[in-house]
Amino acid sequence: MKFLHFIFVLAVAAGVGVPATLGLPMLNTELDRGIAMASVAATPQSVFYTQAEEVYTQVRTLLPKISGLSRADHTALSAKVTDLRMALELVPGATGRPLPPSVSAAPPANL
């Protein structure tokens, strides 16, 4: 999985659209990991919270770069991004920490 992640990051850095067959499983895995880390974080100063925040930021950046996502896949990923954001907001003491706005539920224009 690390090799695919590396290729995904290279494609994004090069400004190339990433096919949904590669990007979808990658983002699903990262979102699941982020939600799990946010769920075990005791405070916003926790390593788990910091890592979950990084996942949130990375996924919000990468989601628009995936080409060929179906409307259903985009909606499912957007819902998971919202779940991660909510998990981060539920960490005790995190209510005052601003998070970037969530990803729009609207599918990308290239559908």
N, C-alpha and C. Protein backbone atom coordinates (compact mmCIF):
# COMPACT_ATOMS: atom_id res chain seq x y z
N MET A 1 0.82 -1.19 0.00
CA MET A 1 0.00 0.00 0.00
C MET A 1 0.86 1.25 0.00
N LYS A 2 2.02 1.20 0.60
CA LYS A 2 2.90 2.38 0.64
C LYS A 2 3.31 2.80 -0.77
N PHE A 3 3.58 1.83 -1.65
CA PHE A 3 4.00 2.16 -3.01
C PHE A 3 2.88 2.88 -3.76
N LEU A 4 1.64 2.41 -3.61
CA LEU A 4 0.51 3.07 -4.25
C LEU A 4 0.31 4.47 -3.70
N HIS A 5 0.50 4.62 -2.41
CA HIS A 5 0.38 5.94 -1.78
C HIS A 5 1.43 6.89 -2.36
N PHE A 6 2.64 6.40 -2.55
CA PHE A 6 3.72 7.21 -3.13
C PHE A 6 3.37 7.65 -4.54
N ILE A 7 2.85 6.73 -5.35
CA ILE A 7 2.45 7.06 -6.72
C ILE A 7 1.32 8.09 -6.71
N PHE A 8 0.38 7.91 -5.81
CA PHE A 8 -0.75 8.84 -5.67
C PHE A 8 -0.24 10.25 -5.37
N VAL A 9 0.66 10.35 -4.41
CA VAL A 9 1.21 11.66 -4.03
C VAL A 9 2.01 12.27 -5.18
N LEU A 10 2.79 11.47 -5.89
CA LEU A 10 3.54 11.97 -7.04
C LEU A 10 2.60 12.50 -8.13
N ALA A 11 1.55 11.78 -8.40
CA ALA A 11 0.60 12.21 -9.44
C ALA A 11 -0.05 13.53 -9.05
N VAL A 12 -0.42 13.67 -7.79
CA VAL A 12 -1.03 14.91 -7.32
C VAL A 12 -0.03 16.05 -7.41
N ALA A 13 1.21 15.80 -7.00
CA ALA A 13 2.25 16.84 -7.04
C ALA A 13 2.52 17.28 -8.48
N ALA A 14 2.40 16.36 -9.42
CA ALA A 14 2.64 16.68 -10.83
C ALA A 14 1.43 17.36 -11.47
N GLY A 15 0.34 17.47 -10.72
CA GLY A 15 -0.84 18.10 -11.26
C GLY A 15 -1.64 17.21 -12.17
N VAL A 16 -1.39 15.92 -12.09
CA VAL A 16 -2.10 14.95 -12.92
C VAL A 16 -3.30 14.43 -12.14
N GLY A 17 -4.44 14.29 -12.80
CA GLY A 17 -5.60 13.72 -12.14
C GLY A 17 -5.33 12.27 -11.79
N VAL A 18 -5.76 11.86 -10.62
CA VAL A 18 -5.56 10.49 -10.16
C VAL A 18 -6.83 9.70 -10.45
N PRO A 19 -6.71 8.54 -11.09
CA PRO A 19 -7.91 7.76 -11.38
C PRO A 19 -8.59 7.28 -10.10
N ALA A 20 -9.91 7.20 -10.17
CA ALA A 20 -10.70 6.80 -9.01
C ALA A 20 -10.31 5.42 -8.51
N THR A 21 -9.90 4.52 -9.40
CA THR A 21 -9.55 3.17 -8.98
C THR A 21 -8.35 3.16 -8.03
N LEU A 22 -7.49 4.16 -8.12
CA LEU A 22 -6.35 4.28 -7.22
C LEU A 22 -6.69 5.18 -6.03
N GLY A 23 -7.34 6.29 -6.29
CA GLY A 23 -7.60 7.28 -5.25
C GLY A 23 -8.67 6.89 -4.25
N LEU A 24 -9.72 6.23 -4.71
CA LEU A 24 -10.84 5.90 -3.84
C LEU A 24 -10.44 4.99 -2.67
N PRO A 25 -9.77 3.85 -2.93
CA PRO A 25 -9.38 3.01 -1.79
C PRO A 25 -8.38 3.70 -0.87
N MET A 26 -7.51 4.52 -1.45
CA MET A 26 -6.51 5.22 -0.65
C MET A 26 -7.18 6.20 0.32
N LEU A 27 -8.11 7.02 -0.20
CA LEU A 27 -8.78 7.98 0.67
C LEU A 27 -9.69 7.30 1.68
N ASN A 28 -10.35 6.22 1.29
CA ASN A 28 -11.18 5.48 2.24
C ASN A 28 -10.34 4.97 3.41
N THR A 29 -9.19 4.41 3.10
CA THR A 29 -8.30 3.89 4.14
C THR A 29 -7.83 5.02 5.06
N GLU A 30 -7.41 6.12 4.46
CA GLU A 30 -6.93 7.25 5.25
C GLU A 30 -8.04 7.82 6.13
N LEU A 31 -9.25 7.93 5.59
CA LEU A 31 -10.37 8.45 6.38
C LEU A 31 -10.71 7.52 7.54
N ASP A 32 -10.71 6.23 7.30
CA ASP A 32 -10.96 5.27 8.38
C ASP A 32 -9.91 5.40 9.47
N ARG A 33 -8.66 5.55 9.05
CA ARG A 33 -7.56 5.72 10.00
C ARG A 33 -7.72 7.02 10.80
N GLY A 34 -8.08 8.10 10.12
CA GLY A 34 -8.26 9.39 10.79
C GLY A 34 -9.40 9.36 11.78
N ILE A 35 -10.51 8.72 11.41
CA ILE A 35 -11.66 8.62 12.32
C ILE A 35 -11.29 7.80 13.55
N ALA A 36 -10.55 6.72 13.35
CA ALA A 36 -10.12 5.89 14.48
C ALA A 36 -9.20 6.68 15.41
N MET A 37 -8.26 7.44 14.84
CA MET A 37 -7.34 8.22 15.68
C MET A 37 -8.07 9.33 16.43
N ALA A 38 -9.00 9.99 15.77
CA ALA A 38 -9.75 11.05 16.45
C ALA A 38 -10.60 10.47 17.58
N SER A 39 -11.09 9.25 17.39
CA SER A 39 -11.94 8.61 18.39
C SER A 39 -11.18 8.24 19.66
N VAL A 40 -9.87 8.00 19.54
CA VAL A 40 -9.09 7.64 20.74
C VAL A 40 -8.32 8.83 21.31
N ALA A 41 -8.35 9.95 20.65
CA ALA A 41 -7.63 11.13 21.16
C ALA A 41 -8.34 11.66 22.41
N ALA A 42 -7.57 11.86 23.46
CA ALA A 42 -8.15 12.35 24.72
C ALA A 42 -8.19 13.88 24.76
N THR A 43 -7.24 14.52 24.10
CA THR A 43 -7.17 15.98 24.09
C THR A 43 -6.69 16.44 22.71
N PRO A 44 -6.87 17.72 22.40
CA PRO A 44 -6.34 18.24 21.13
C PRO A 44 -4.81 18.25 21.08
N GLN A 45 -4.16 18.09 22.21
CA GLN A 45 -2.70 18.03 22.24
C GLN A 45 -2.18 16.61 22.00
N SER A 46 -3.08 15.66 21.90
CA SER A 46 -2.72 14.25 21.70
C SER A 46 -2.10 14.06 20.32
N VAL A 47 -1.17 13.11 20.24
CA VAL A 47 -0.57 12.74 18.96
C VAL A 47 -1.65 12.21 18.01
N PHE A 48 -2.60 11.48 18.55
CA PHE A 48 -3.68 10.94 17.73
C PHE A 48 -4.52 12.06 17.10
N TYR A 49 -4.79 13.09 17.88
CA TYR A 49 -5.57 14.22 17.37
C TYR A 49 -4.81 14.92 16.25
N THR A 50 -3.52 15.14 16.48
CA THR A 50 -2.69 15.81 15.46
C THR A 50 -2.66 15.01 14.17
N GLN A 51 -2.51 13.69 14.28
CA GLN A 51 -2.48 12.85 13.09
C GLN A 51 -3.83 12.84 12.38
N ALA A 52 -4.92 12.82 13.15
CA ALA A 52 -6.26 12.85 12.55
C ALA A 52 -6.50 14.18 11.84
N GLU A 53 -6.00 15.27 12.41
CA GLU A 53 -6.10 16.59 11.76
C GLU A 53 -5.33 16.60 10.44
N GLU A 54 -4.16 15.99 10.43
CA GLU A 54 -3.36 15.91 9.20
C GLU A 54 -4.09 15.11 8.13
N VAL A 55 -4.73 14.00 8.52
CA VAL A 55 -5.50 13.20 7.58
C VAL A 55 -6.63 14.06 7.00
N TYR A 56 -7.32 14.79 7.87
CA TYR A 56 -8.42 15.64 7.43
C TYR A 56 -7.96 16.65 6.39
N THR A 57 -6.86 17.32 6.66
CA THR A 57 -6.33 18.32 5.74
C THR A 57 -5.88 17.68 4.43
N GLN A 58 -5.18 16.55 4.51
CA GLN A 58 -4.70 15.88 3.30
C GLN A 58 -5.85 15.40 2.42
N VAL A 59 -6.84 14.80 3.03
CA VAL A 59 -7.96 14.27 2.25
C VAL A 59 -8.74 15.41 1.60
N ARG A 60 -8.92 16.51 2.31
CA ARG A 60 -9.62 17.66 1.72
C ARG A 60 -8.84 18.21 0.52
N THR A 61 -7.52 18.12 0.56
CA THR A 61 -6.70 18.58 -0.55
C THR A 61 -6.74 17.59 -1.71
N LEU A 62 -6.72 16.30 -1.41
CA LEU A 62 -6.62 15.27 -2.45
C LEU A 62 -7.95 14.93 -3.12
N LEU A 63 -9.05 15.05 -2.41
CA LEU A 63 -10.35 14.64 -2.95
C LEU A 63 -10.68 15.30 -4.29
N PRO A 64 -10.49 16.59 -4.45
CA PRO A 64 -10.81 17.20 -5.75
C PRO A 64 -9.89 16.75 -6.89
N LYS A 65 -8.77 16.14 -6.57
CA LYS A 65 -7.81 15.74 -7.59
C LYS A 65 -8.07 14.35 -8.16
N ILE A 66 -9.08 13.66 -7.64
CA ILE A 66 -9.40 12.32 -8.13
C ILE A 66 -10.37 12.45 -9.30
N SER A 67 -9.98 11.90 -10.42
CA SER A 67 -10.83 11.98 -11.61
C SER A 67 -11.65 10.72 -11.77
N GLY A 68 -12.84 10.87 -12.32
CA GLY A 68 -13.68 9.73 -12.62
C GLY A 68 -14.46 9.18 -11.44
N LEU A 69 -14.60 9.95 -10.36
CA LEU A 69 -15.41 9.48 -9.23
C LEU A 69 -16.88 9.53 -9.60
N SER A 70 -17.60 8.50 -9.27
CA SER A 70 -19.04 8.53 -9.48
C SER A 70 -19.66 9.45 -8.43
N ARG A 71 -20.87 9.86 -8.69
CA ARG A 71 -21.59 10.72 -7.73
C ARG A 71 -21.71 10.01 -6.38
N ALA A 72 -22.00 8.72 -6.41
CA ALA A 72 -22.16 7.96 -5.17
C ALA A 72 -20.83 7.87 -4.40
N ASP A 73 -19.73 7.64 -5.11
CA ASP A 73 -18.42 7.57 -4.45
C ASP A 73 -18.04 8.92 -3.86
N HIS A 74 -18.30 10.00 -4.60
CA HIS A 74 -17.97 11.34 -4.09
C HIS A 74 -18.81 11.65 -2.85
N THR A 75 -20.08 11.29 -2.89
CA THR A 75 -20.95 11.54 -1.73
C THR A 75 -20.50 10.73 -0.53
N ALA A 76 -20.11 9.47 -0.76
CA ALA A 76 -19.65 8.61 0.34
C ALA A 76 -18.36 9.16 0.96
N LEU A 77 -17.42 9.59 0.12
CA LEU A 77 -16.17 10.16 0.64
C LEU A 77 -16.44 11.46 1.39
N SER A 78 -17.31 12.30 0.85
CA SER A 78 -17.64 13.56 1.52
C SER A 78 -18.28 13.30 2.88
N ALA A 79 -19.12 12.26 2.97
CA ALA A 79 -19.74 11.91 4.25
C ALA A 79 -18.68 11.46 5.25
N LYS A 80 -17.69 10.70 4.78
CA LYS A 80 -16.61 10.26 5.67
C LYS A 80 -15.76 11.45 6.12
N VAL A 81 -15.53 12.42 5.25
CA VAL A 81 -14.79 13.62 5.63
C VAL A 81 -15.56 14.34 6.74
N THR A 82 -16.87 14.44 6.58
CA THR A 82 -17.71 15.07 7.60
C THR A 82 -17.65 14.28 8.90
N ASP A 83 -17.66 12.95 8.82
CA ASP A 83 -17.55 12.11 10.02
C ASP A 83 -16.23 12.38 10.75
N LEU A 84 -15.15 12.50 9.98
CA LEU A 84 -13.84 12.79 10.58
C LEU A 84 -13.86 14.16 11.24
N ARG A 85 -14.42 15.13 10.57
CA ARG A 85 -14.49 16.48 11.15
C ARG A 85 -15.28 16.44 12.46
N MET A 86 -16.41 15.74 12.47
CA MET A 86 -17.21 15.64 13.68
C MET A 86 -16.45 14.92 14.79
N ALA A 87 -15.72 13.85 14.44
CA ALA A 87 -14.93 13.13 15.44
C ALA A 87 -13.88 14.05 16.05
N LEU A 88 -13.27 14.90 15.22
CA LEU A 88 -12.28 15.86 15.73
C LEU A 88 -12.93 16.89 16.65
N GLU A 89 -14.12 17.35 16.28
CA GLU A 89 -14.81 18.35 17.09
C GLU A 89 -15.30 17.78 18.42
N LEU A 90 -15.50 16.47 18.48
CA LEU A 90 -15.99 15.84 19.71
C LEU A 90 -14.89 15.56 20.74
N VAL A 91 -13.64 15.74 20.36
CA VAL A 91 -12.55 15.55 21.31
C VAL A 91 -12.66 16.63 22.38
N PRO A 92 -12.64 16.23 23.67
CA PRO A 92 -12.76 17.22 24.74
C PRO A 92 -11.70 18.32 24.62
N GLY A 93 -12.15 19.55 24.67
CA GLY A 93 -11.24 20.70 24.57
C GLY A 93 -10.99 21.16 23.15
N ALA A 94 -11.56 20.51 22.18
CA ALA A 94 -11.32 20.87 20.78
C ALA A 94 -12.34 21.86 20.24
N THR A 95 -13.32 22.24 21.04
CA THR A 95 -14.38 23.10 20.54
C THR A 95 -13.88 24.47 20.12
N GLY A 96 -12.80 24.95 20.69
CA GLY A 96 -12.28 26.27 20.33
C GLY A 96 -11.30 26.25 19.17
N ARG A 97 -10.91 25.06 18.72
CA ARG A 97 -9.94 24.95 17.63
C ARG A 97 -10.66 24.98 16.29
N PRO A 98 -10.31 25.95 15.46
CA PRO A 98 -10.98 25.99 14.15
C PRO A 98 -10.44 24.93 13.20
N LEU A 99 -11.34 24.29 12.48
CA LEU A 99 -10.98 23.35 11.43
C LEU A 99 -11.36 23.99 10.10
N PRO A 100 -10.64 23.67 9.05
CA PRO A 100 -11.04 24.19 7.75
C PRO A 100 -12.44 23.69 7.41
N PRO A 101 -13.19 24.42 6.59
CA PRO A 101 -14.53 23.97 6.24
C PRO A 101 -14.51 22.62 5.55
N SER A 102 -15.58 21.89 5.67
CA SER A 102 -15.66 20.54 5.09
C SER A 102 -15.74 20.60 3.58
N VAL A 103 -15.47 19.46 2.97
CA VAL A 103 -15.53 19.34 1.52
C VAL A 103 -16.98 19.43 1.08
N SER A 104 -17.25 20.10 0.01
CA SER A 104 -18.60 20.22 -0.52
C SER A 104 -19.13 18.85 -0.90
N ALA A 105 -20.41 18.64 -0.66
CA ALA A 105 -21.04 17.38 -1.02
C ALA A 105 -21.36 17.31 -2.51
N ALA A 106 -21.19 18.43 -3.21
CA ALA A 106 -21.47 18.43 -4.65
C ALA A 106 -20.37 17.68 -5.38
N PRO A 107 -20.74 16.86 -6.36
CA PRO A 107 -19.72 16.12 -7.11
C PRO A 107 -18.90 17.05 -7.97
N PRO A 108 -17.70 16.63 -8.34
CA PRO A 108 -16.86 17.47 -9.18
C PRO A 108 -17.50 17.69 -10.55
N ALA A 109 -17.11 18.75 -11.20
CA ALA A 109 -17.73 19.15 -12.47
C ALA A 109 -17.41 18.19 -13.61
N ASN A 110 -16.37 17.38 -13.49
CA ASN A 110 -15.96 16.53 -14.61
C ASN A 110 -16.76 15.24 -14.71
N LEU A 111 -17.87 15.13 -13.98
CA LEU A 111 -18.67 13.91 -14.08
C LEU A 111 -19.49 13.95 -15.33
